[in-house]
C-alpha atoms as a PDB file:
ATOM      1  CA  MET A   1     198.914 300.358 -16.705  1.00  0.00           C
ATOM      2  CA  LEU A   2     201.825 298.834 -18.112  1.00  0.00           C
ATOM      3  CA  LYS A   3     203.773 300.156 -15.260  1.00  0.00           C
ATOM      4  CA  ASP A   4     201.673 297.877 -12.769  1.00  0.00           C
ATOM      5  CA  LEU A   5     202.978 294.942 -15.294  1.00  0.00           C
ATOM      6  CA  ALA A   6     206.514 295.922 -14.955  1.00  0.00           C
ATOM      7  CA  THR A   7     205.872 296.099 -11.137  1.00  0.00           C
ATOM      8  CA  SER A   8     204.290 292.905 -10.604  1.00  0.00           C
ATOM      9  CA  PRO A   9     202.356 290.655 -13.140  1.00  0.00           C
ATOM     10  CA  ARG A  10     199.844 289.822 -10.314  1.00  0.00           C
ATOM     11  CA  LEU A  11     199.184 292.963  -9.593  1.00  0.00           C
ATOM     12  CA  PHE A  12     198.598 294.000 -12.923  1.00  0.00           C
ATOM     13  CA  GLU A  13     195.883 290.747 -13.294  1.00  0.00           C
ATOM     14  CA  ALA A  14     194.291 292.095 -10.004  1.00  0.00           C
ATOM     15  CA  LYS A  15     193.703 295.657 -11.182  1.00  0.00           C
ATOM     16  CA  HIS A  16     193.053 295.179 -15.127  1.00  0.00           C
ATOM     17  CA  ILE A  17     191.894 292.048 -15.854  1.00  0.00           C
ATOM     18  CA  LEU A  18     189.980 290.552 -12.586  1.00  0.00           C
ATOM     19  CA  LYS A  19     189.505 294.047 -11.555  1.00  0.00           C
ATOM     20  CA  THR A  20     189.324 292.677  -7.716  1.00  0.00           C
ATOM     21  CA  LEU A  21     191.603 295.640  -7.023  1.00  0.00           C
ATOM     22  CA  GLN A  22     190.584 299.201  -7.546  1.00  0.00           C
ATOM     23  CA  SER A  23     192.717 302.258  -6.575  1.00  0.00           C
ATOM     24  CA  GLU A  24     190.564 304.950  -4.779  1.00  0.00           C
ATOM     25  CA  SER A  25     190.970 308.708  -5.380  1.00  0.00           C
ATOM     26  CA  THR A  26     193.557 309.978  -2.783  1.00  0.00           C
ATOM     27  CA  ARG A  27     193.615 313.520  -1.633  1.00  0.00           C
ATOM     28  CA  SER A  28     196.926 313.890  -3.626  1.00  0.00           C
ATOM     29  CA  GLN A  29     195.321 312.792  -6.804  1.00  0.00           C
ATOM     30  CA  GLU A  30     192.229 315.110  -6.284  1.00  0.00           C
ATOM     31  CA  LEU A  31     194.779 317.870  -6.129  1.00  0.00           C
ATOM     32  CA  GLY A  32     196.501 317.026  -9.061  1.00  0.00           C
ATOM     33  CA  THR A  33     193.187 317.006 -10.796  1.00  0.00           C
ATOM     34  CA  VAL A  34     192.602 320.750  -9.612  1.00  0.00           C
ATOM     35  CA  ILE A  35     196.295 321.563 -10.558  1.00  0.00           C
ATOM     36  CA  HIS A  36     195.872 320.130 -14.054  1.00  0.00           C
ATOM     37  CA  SER A  37     192.999 322.163 -14.495  1.00  0.00           C
ATOM     38  CA  ALA A  38     194.599 325.390 -13.214  1.00  0.00           C
ATOM     39  CA  ILE A  39     197.454 324.982 -15.729  1.00  0.00           C
ATOM     40  CA  LEU A  40     195.478 323.457 -18.770  1.00  0.00           C
ATOM     41  CA  GLU A  41     192.172 325.323 -18.447  1.00  0.00           C
ATOM     42  CA  PRO A  42     191.959 327.855 -15.587  1.00  0.00           C
ATOM     43  CA  LYS A  43     188.516 329.394 -16.864  1.00  0.00           C
ATOM     44  CA  LYS A  44     187.119 325.849 -16.215  1.00  0.00           C
ATOM     45  CA  LEU A  45     188.748 325.818 -12.978  1.00  0.00           C
ATOM     46  CA  GLU A  46     185.475 326.910 -10.643  1.00  0.00           C
ATOM     47  CA  LYS A  47     183.683 323.942 -12.632  1.00  0.00           C
ATOM     48  CA  VAL A  48     186.340 321.326 -11.257  1.00  0.00           C
ATOM     49  CA  CYS A  49     186.267 322.620  -7.770  1.00  0.00           C
ATOM     50  CA  THR A  50     184.538 324.763  -4.897  1.00  0.00           C
ATOM     51  CA  THR A  51     184.786 325.603  -1.172  1.00  0.00           C
ATOM     52  CA  PRO A  52     181.775 325.903   0.826  1.00  0.00           C
ATOM     53  CA  PRO A  53     179.961 329.064   1.729  1.00  0.00           C
ATOM     54  CA  ARG A  54     179.988 330.511   5.359  1.00  0.00           C
ATOM     55  CA  SER A  55     176.273 329.856   5.291  1.00  0.00           C
ATOM     56  CA  VAL A  56     176.477 326.016   5.394  1.00  0.00           C
ATOM     57  CA  LEU A  57     179.247 326.155   7.911  1.00  0.00           C
ATOM     58  CA  ALA A  58     178.663 325.781  11.734  1.00  0.00           C
ATOM     59  CA  SER A  59     178.572 328.901  13.910  1.00  0.00           C
ATOM     60  CA  ASN A  60     182.431 327.534  14.817  1.00  0.00           C
ATOM     61  CA  GLY A  61     183.133 327.805  10.912  1.00  0.00           C
ATOM     62  CA  HIS A  62     183.862 323.843  11.117  1.00  0.00           C
ATOM     63  CA  ARG A  63     182.051 321.727   8.174  1.00  0.00           C
ATOM     64  CA  ARG A  64     179.488 319.872   9.954  1.00  0.00           C
ATOM     65  CA  GLY A  65     175.974 320.029  10.504  1.00  0.00           C
ATOM     66  CA  LYS A  66     172.798 319.177   8.074  1.00  0.00           C
ATOM     67  CA  ALA A  67     173.389 322.357   6.001  1.00  0.00           C
ATOM     68  CA  TYR A  68     176.594 321.705   5.210  1.00  0.00           C
ATOM     69  CA  GLU A  69     175.833 317.965   4.594  1.00  0.00           C
ATOM     70  CA  ASP A  70     173.225 318.720   2.162  1.00  0.00           C
ATOM     71  CA  TRP A  71     175.353 320.880   0.204  1.00  0.00           C
ATOM     72  CA  ARG A  72     178.403 318.640   0.388  1.00  0.00           C
ATOM     73  CA  ASP A  73     176.278 315.940  -1.060  1.00  0.00           C
ATOM     74  CA  ALA A  74     175.222 318.181  -4.013  1.00  0.00           C
ATOM     75  CA  GLN A  75     178.488 318.933  -5.194  1.00  0.00           C
ATOM     76  CA  VAL A  76     178.627 315.468  -7.123  1.00  0.00           C
ATOM     77  CA  GLU A  77     181.079 316.469  -9.780  1.00  0.00           C
ATOM     78  CA  LYS A  78     183.418 318.969  -7.922  1.00  0.00           C
ATOM     79  CA  ILE A  79     186.203 318.360  -5.505  1.00  0.00           C
ATOM     80  CA  ILE A  80     185.305 320.265  -2.454  1.00  0.00           C
ATOM     81  CA  LEU A  81     188.384 322.585  -1.142  1.00  0.00           C
ATOM     82  CA  THR A  82     189.704 323.993   1.879  1.00  0.00           C
ATOM     83  CA  ASP A  83     190.473 327.653   1.388  1.00  0.00           C
ATOM     84  CA  GLU A  84     193.627 327.159   1.468  1.00  0.00           C
ATOM     85  CA  GLU A  85     193.779 324.630  -1.403  1.00  0.00           C
ATOM     86  CA  PHE A  86     191.798 326.923  -3.375  1.00  0.00           C
ATOM     87  CA  ASN A  87     193.985 329.813  -2.922  1.00  0.00           C
ATOM     88  CA  MET A  88     196.946 327.581  -4.040  1.00  0.00           C
ATOM     89  CA  ALA A  89     195.111 326.496  -7.326  1.00  0.00           C
ATOM     90  CA  LEU A  90     194.674 330.391  -7.835  1.00  0.00           C
ATOM     91  CA  ARG A  91     198.383 330.901  -7.315  1.00  0.00           C
ATOM     92  CA  VAL A  92     199.463 327.894  -9.484  1.00  0.00           C
ATOM     93  CA  ALA A  93     197.013 329.445 -12.594  1.00  0.00           C
ATOM     94  CA  HIS A  94     198.370 332.622 -11.826  1.00  0.00           C
ATOM     95  CA  ALA A  95     201.926 331.465 -12.360  1.00  0.00           C
ATOM     96  CA  ALA A  96     201.140 329.433 -15.420  1.00  0.00           C
ATOM     97  CA  ALA A  97     199.787 332.232 -16.936  1.00  0.00           C
ATOM     98  CA  ARG A  98     202.841 334.092 -16.220  1.00  0.00           C
ATOM     99  CA  HIS A  99     205.199 331.272 -17.819  1.00  0.00           C
ATOM    100  CA  PRO A 100     206.216 331.797 -21.448  1.00  0.00           C
ATOM    101  CA  VAL A 101     206.524 328.213 -22.139  1.00  0.00           C
ATOM    102  CA  VAL A 102     203.565 326.973 -20.750  1.00  0.00           C
ATOM    103  CA  ALA A 103     201.169 330.002 -22.264  1.00  0.00           C
ATOM    104  CA  THR A 104     202.837 329.008 -25.691  1.00  0.00           C
ATOM    105  CA  LEU A 105     201.888 325.501 -25.126  1.00  0.00           C
ATOM    106  CA  THR A 106     198.320 326.060 -24.221  1.00  0.00           C
ATOM    107  CA  ASP A 107     197.950 328.778 -26.726  1.00  0.00           C
ATOM    108  CA  LYS A 108     198.912 325.986 -29.626  1.00  0.00           C
ATOM    109  CA  ALA A 109     196.904 323.123 -27.839  1.00  0.00           C
ATOM    110  CA  THR A 110     194.425 321.435 -30.134  1.00  0.00           C
ATOM    111  CA  HIS A 111     193.446 318.742 -27.630  1.00  0.00           C
ATOM    112  CA  ILE A 112     193.608 318.669 -23.588  1.00  0.00           C
ATOM    113  CA  GLU A 113     192.540 315.829 -22.105  1.00  0.00           C
ATOM    114  CA  LYS A 114     191.231 313.841 -24.740  1.00  0.00           C
ATOM    115  CA  PRO A 115     191.058 310.038 -25.007  1.00  0.00           C
ATOM    116  CA  ILE A 116     193.147 308.324 -27.496  1.00  0.00           C
ATOM    117  CA  GLN A 117     193.063 304.597 -29.157  1.00  0.00           C
ATOM    118  CA  TRP A 118     195.446 303.060 -31.321  1.00  0.00           C
ATOM    119  CA  VAL A 119     196.937 299.545 -32.075  1.00  0.00           C
ATOM    120  CA  ASP A 120     200.550 299.224 -31.530  1.00  0.00           C
ATOM    121  CA  PRO A 121     202.269 298.507 -34.798  1.00  0.00           C
ATOM    122  CA  ILE A 122     205.145 296.082 -32.948  1.00  0.00           C
ATOM    123  CA  ALA A 123     202.882 294.037 -30.727  1.00  0.00           C
ATOM    124  CA  ASP A 124     199.589 294.547 -32.466  1.00  0.00           C
ATOM    125  CA  VAL A 125     197.731 295.107 -29.376  1.00  0.00           C
ATOM    126  CA  ASP A 126     195.169 297.611 -28.604  1.00  0.00           C
ATOM    127  CA  CYS A 127     196.003 300.705 -26.731  1.00  0.00           C
ATOM    128  CA  LYS A 128     194.707 303.856 -24.891  1.00  0.00           C
ATOM    129  CA  GLY A 129     195.467 306.564 -22.979  1.00  0.00           C
ATOM    130  CA  ILE A 130     194.360 310.386 -22.136  1.00  0.00           C
ATOM    131  CA  PRO A 131     197.298 312.712 -22.642  1.00  0.00           C
ATOM    132  CA  ASP A 132     197.209 315.970 -20.833  1.00  0.00           C
ATOM    133  CA  LEU A 133     197.899 318.314 -23.883  1.00  0.00           C
ATOM    134  CA  VAL A 134     198.729 317.816 -27.631  1.00  0.00           C
ATOM    135  CA  THR A 135     199.790 320.664 -29.337  1.00  0.00           C
ATOM    136  CA  GLU A 136     199.153 321.366 -33.271  1.00  0.00           C
ATOM    137  CA  ARG A 137     202.529 320.496 -34.162  1.00  0.00           C
ATOM    138  CA  GLU A 138     205.022 317.727 -32.430  1.00  0.00           C
ATOM    139  CA  TYR A 139     204.589 318.206 -28.715  1.00  0.00           C
ATOM    140  CA  VAL A 140     202.678 316.235 -26.118  1.00  0.00           C
ATOM    141  CA  VAL A 141     202.547 317.701 -22.564  1.00  0.00           C
ATOM    142  CA  ASP A 142     202.045 316.345 -19.045  1.00  0.00           C
ATOM    143  CA  VAL A 143     201.575 318.025 -16.121  1.00  0.00           C
ATOM    144  CA  LYS A 144     203.376 316.837 -12.695  1.00  0.00           C
ATOM    145  CA  THR A 145     202.929 317.894  -9.440  1.00  0.00           C
ATOM    146  CA  CYS A 146     205.905 317.810  -6.914  1.00  0.00           C
ATOM    147  CA  GLN A 147     206.935 319.634  -3.551  1.00  0.00           C
ATOM    148  CA  SER A 148     209.645 320.950  -5.161  1.00  0.00           C
ATOM    149  CA  VAL A 149     210.503 321.359  -8.847  1.00  0.00           C
ATOM    150  CA  SER A 150     214.244 319.825  -8.299  1.00  0.00           C
ATOM    151  CA  GLU A 151     212.547 316.462  -7.464  1.00  0.00           C
ATOM    152  CA  ILE A 152     211.592 316.228 -11.289  1.00  0.00           C
ATOM    153  CA  ASP A 153     215.265 314.700 -12.408  1.00  0.00           C
ATOM    154  CA  THR A 154     215.138 311.667 -10.111  1.00  0.00           C
ATOM    155  CA  ALA A 155     211.032 311.499 -10.404  1.00  0.00           C
ATOM    156  CA  VAL A 156     211.468 310.595 -14.320  1.00  0.00           C
ATOM    157  CA  ALA A 157     213.280 307.230 -13.583  1.00  0.00           C
ATOM    158  CA  LYS A 158     211.641 306.499 -10.132  1.00  0.00           C
ATOM    159  CA  TYR A 159     208.081 307.207 -11.785  1.00  0.00           C
ATOM    160  CA  SER A 160     208.893 305.824 -15.241  1.00  0.00           C
ATOM    161  CA  TYR A 161     208.030 308.916 -16.907  1.00  0.00           C
ATOM    162  CA  HIS A 162     210.247 307.992 -19.923  1.00  0.00           C
ATOM    163  CA  LEU A 163     207.875 305.028 -20.614  1.00  0.00           C
ATOM    164  CA  GLN A 164     204.792 307.259 -20.154  1.00  0.00           C
ATOM    165  CA  ALA A 165     206.694 309.542 -23.204  1.00  0.00           C
ATOM    166  CA  ALA A 166     207.123 306.833 -25.316  1.00  0.00           C
ATOM    167  CA  PHE A 167     203.750 305.258 -24.941  1.00  0.00           C
ATOM    168  CA  TYR A 168     201.834 308.494 -25.787  1.00  0.00           C
ATOM    169  CA  LEU A 169     204.405 309.957 -28.568  1.00  0.00           C
ATOM    170  CA  THR A 170     203.419 306.512 -30.423  1.00  0.00           C
ATOM    171  CA  GLY A 171     199.828 306.885 -29.655  1.00  0.00           C
ATOM    172  CA  CYS A 172     199.509 310.441 -30.518  1.00  0.00           C
ATOM    173  CA  SER A 173     201.565 309.864 -33.419  1.00  0.00           C
ATOM    174  CA  ILE A 174     199.343 306.913 -34.952  1.00  0.00           C
ATOM    175  CA  HIS A 175     195.879 308.613 -33.347  1.00  0.00           C
ATOM    176  CA  TYR A 176     196.076 311.894 -35.059  1.00  0.00           C
ATOM    177  CA  GLY A 177     198.316 310.790 -38.337  1.00  0.00           C
ATOM    178  CA  GLN A 178     201.328 313.177 -37.701  1.00  0.00           C
ATOM    179  CA  ARG A 179     204.539 312.680 -35.868  1.00  0.00           C
ATOM    180  CA  PHE A 180     205.140 313.800 -32.408  1.00  0.00           C
ATOM    181  CA  ASN A 181     208.595 313.429 -31.164  1.00  0.00           C
ATOM    182  CA  SER A 182     208.799 315.737 -28.555  1.00  0.00           C
ATOM    183  CA  PHE A 183     207.447 315.433 -24.561  1.00  0.00           C
ATOM    184  CA  VAL A 184     207.140 318.214 -22.401  1.00  0.00           C
ATOM    185  CA  ILE A 185     206.982 317.534 -18.642  1.00  0.00           C
ATOM    186  CA  VAL A 186     205.264 320.761 -16.711  1.00  0.00           C
ATOM    187  CA  ALA A 187     206.882 320.229 -13.295  1.00  0.00           C
ATOM    188  CA  VAL A 188     204.614 322.506 -10.494  1.00  0.00           C
ATOM    189  CA  GLU A 189     205.120 322.790  -7.137  1.00  0.00           C
ATOM    190  CA  THR A 190     202.187 322.951  -4.921  1.00  0.00           C
ATOM    191  CA  ASN A 191     203.895 324.761  -2.525  1.00  0.00           C
ATOM    192  CA  PRO A 192     205.172 328.759  -1.973  1.00  0.00           C
ATOM    193  CA  PRO A 193     206.605 329.668  -4.140  1.00  0.00           C
ATOM    194  CA  TYR A 194     204.873 327.701  -6.328  1.00  0.00           C
ATOM    195  CA  ARG A 195     207.766 327.232  -9.073  1.00  0.00           C
ATOM    196  CA  ILE A 196     206.669 326.142 -12.410  1.00  0.00           C
ATOM    197  CA  HIS A 197     209.271 324.561 -14.784  1.00  0.00           C
ATOM    198  CA  THR A 198     208.895 322.931 -18.100  1.00  0.00           C
ATOM    199  CA  ARG A 199     211.168 320.134 -19.240  1.00  0.00           C
ATOM    200  CA  LEU A 200     211.757 318.424 -22.284  1.00  0.00           C
ATOM    201  CA  LEU A 201     212.528 315.120 -22.182  1.00  0.00           C
ATOM    202  CA  ASP A 202     215.610 313.795 -23.997  1.00  0.00           C
ATOM    203  CA  ASP A 203     216.258 311.498 -27.083  1.00  0.00           C
ATOM    204  CA  ALA A 204     218.026 309.038 -25.007  1.00  0.00           C
ATOM    205  CA  ALA A 205     215.129 309.104 -22.259  1.00  0.00           C
ATOM    206  CA  ILE A 206     212.687 308.338 -25.015  1.00  0.00           C
ATOM    207  CA  ILE A 207     214.671 306.007 -26.955  1.00  0.00           C
ATOM    208  CA  ILE A 208     214.837 303.995 -23.627  1.00  0.00           C
ATOM    209  CA  GLY A 209     211.396 304.300 -23.034  1.00  0.00           C
ATOM    210  CA  HIS A 210     210.270 302.951 -26.553  1.00  0.00           C
ATOM    211  CA  GLN A 211     212.354 300.030 -25.585  1.00  0.00           C
ATOM    212  CA  LYS A 212     211.065 299.119 -22.712  1.00  0.00           C
ATOM    213  CA  ILE A 213     207.193 299.544 -23.699  1.00  0.00           C
ATOM    214  CA  ASP A 214     208.186 297.277 -26.927  1.00  0.00           C
ATOM    215  CA  GLU A 215     209.329 294.731 -24.424  1.00  0.00           C
ATOM    216  CA  LEU A 216     206.120 295.030 -21.675  1.00  0.00           C
ATOM    217  CA  LEU A 217     203.404 295.210 -24.533  1.00  0.00           C
ATOM    218  CA  ALA A 218     205.121 292.229 -25.967  1.00  0.00           C
ATOM    219  CA  GLU A 219     205.175 290.689 -22.700  1.00  0.00           C
ATOM    220  CA  TYR A 220     201.377 291.630 -22.103  1.00  0.00           C
ATOM    221  CA  LYS A 221     200.216 290.213 -25.425  1.00  0.00           C
ATOM    222  CA  ARG A 222     201.735 286.881 -24.331  1.00  0.00           C
ATOM    223  CA  ARG A 223     200.677 286.558 -20.895  1.00  0.00           C
ATOM    224  CA  ARG A 224     196.995 287.637 -22.073  1.00  0.00           C
ATOM    225  CA  ASP A 225     196.950 285.201 -25.002  1.00  0.00           C
ATOM    226  CA  GLU A 226     198.313 282.253 -22.337  1.00  0.00           C
ATOM    227  CA  ASN A 227     196.029 283.846 -19.554  1.00  0.00           C
ATOM    228  CA  ASP A 228     199.412 283.360 -17.646  1.00  0.00           C
ATOM    229  CA  TRP A 229     199.685 286.137 -15.261  1.00  0.00           C
ATOM    230  CA  SER A 230     202.215 284.206 -12.739  1.00  0.00           C
ATOM    231  CA  GLU A 231     205.621 284.981 -11.196  1.00  0.00           C
ATOM    232  CA  PRO A 232     208.741 283.135 -11.064  1.00  0.00           C
ATOM    233  CA  ALA A 233     208.919 282.572  -7.386  1.00  0.00           C
ATOM    234  CA  GLU A 234     205.420 281.103  -7.430  1.00  0.00           C
ATOM    235  CA  LYS A 235     207.011 277.945  -9.439  1.00  0.00           C
ATOM    236  CA  GLU A 236     210.414 277.765  -8.335  1.00  0.00           C
ATOM    237  CA  LEU A 237     213.044 278.898  -5.939  1.00  0.00           C
ATOM    238  CA  VAL A 238     214.808 282.266  -6.659  1.00  0.00           C
ATOM    239  CA  ALA A 239     217.891 283.190  -5.145  1.00  0.00           C
ATOM    240  CA  LEU A 240     217.821 286.268  -2.477  1.00  0.00           C
ATOM    241  CA  SER A 241     220.481 288.563  -2.454  1.00  0.00           C
ATOM    242  CA  LEU A 242     221.472 291.491  -0.324  1.00  0.00           C
ATOM    243  CA  PRO A 243     220.886 294.752  -2.325  1.00  0.00           C
ATOM    244  CA  ARG A 244     223.852 296.639  -3.448  1.00  0.00           C
ATOM    245  CA  TRP A 245     224.039 299.409  -0.833  1.00  0.00           C
ATOM    246  CA  ALA A 246     224.011 296.560   2.006  1.00  0.00           C
ATOM    247  CA  SER A 247     227.162 294.467   0.431  1.00  0.00           C
END
């Protein structure tokens, strides 16, 4: 939510104030939901996703015809996967079960994908979120899917994971009434060999995240109170320069 404000106040207004812009669930997001279940709650995987039985497929194996359509329409709360996608989820779940850090974190989990609410102590605004996993002591955990675990180093800055870390560490500390200082990213490959790397975000990144979150919450409060979601170039001439790589 706050990342949208950092990108564009008008984008934030459209998505979260006017609600005229709604993001549709993409296939990658659906697969992400499946991976989260495979990592965090593998015993519930079959409640989250399914594959069509052969009895509802056409004679050539295609997903068409009344039998398939009736079966598909009945899967209102499940994500329909291909056999290849389901096997991928099973391999990820198996890899997670063998990963010592993931196994320890899930064993010590007290809350999995549980909504939390709090009032930010600096900006005095209501906040909410859904951390992937919270342990009995100290750790807030987030699962990230990727093509390669080597991407996670650049993804932290590219996708503002440090902002998410600071936001959830504050939220969990207030909501649960105990101090959470550590944010763990579980990077999961969706391609063979389905590697899983666990990374602990360092203090420097979290401090920067807190600073940016404080700025964004203050900006959100000001804009909300003034009902002003305008951007500078809407009202005045703003200089346009070449990017550094082109100069």
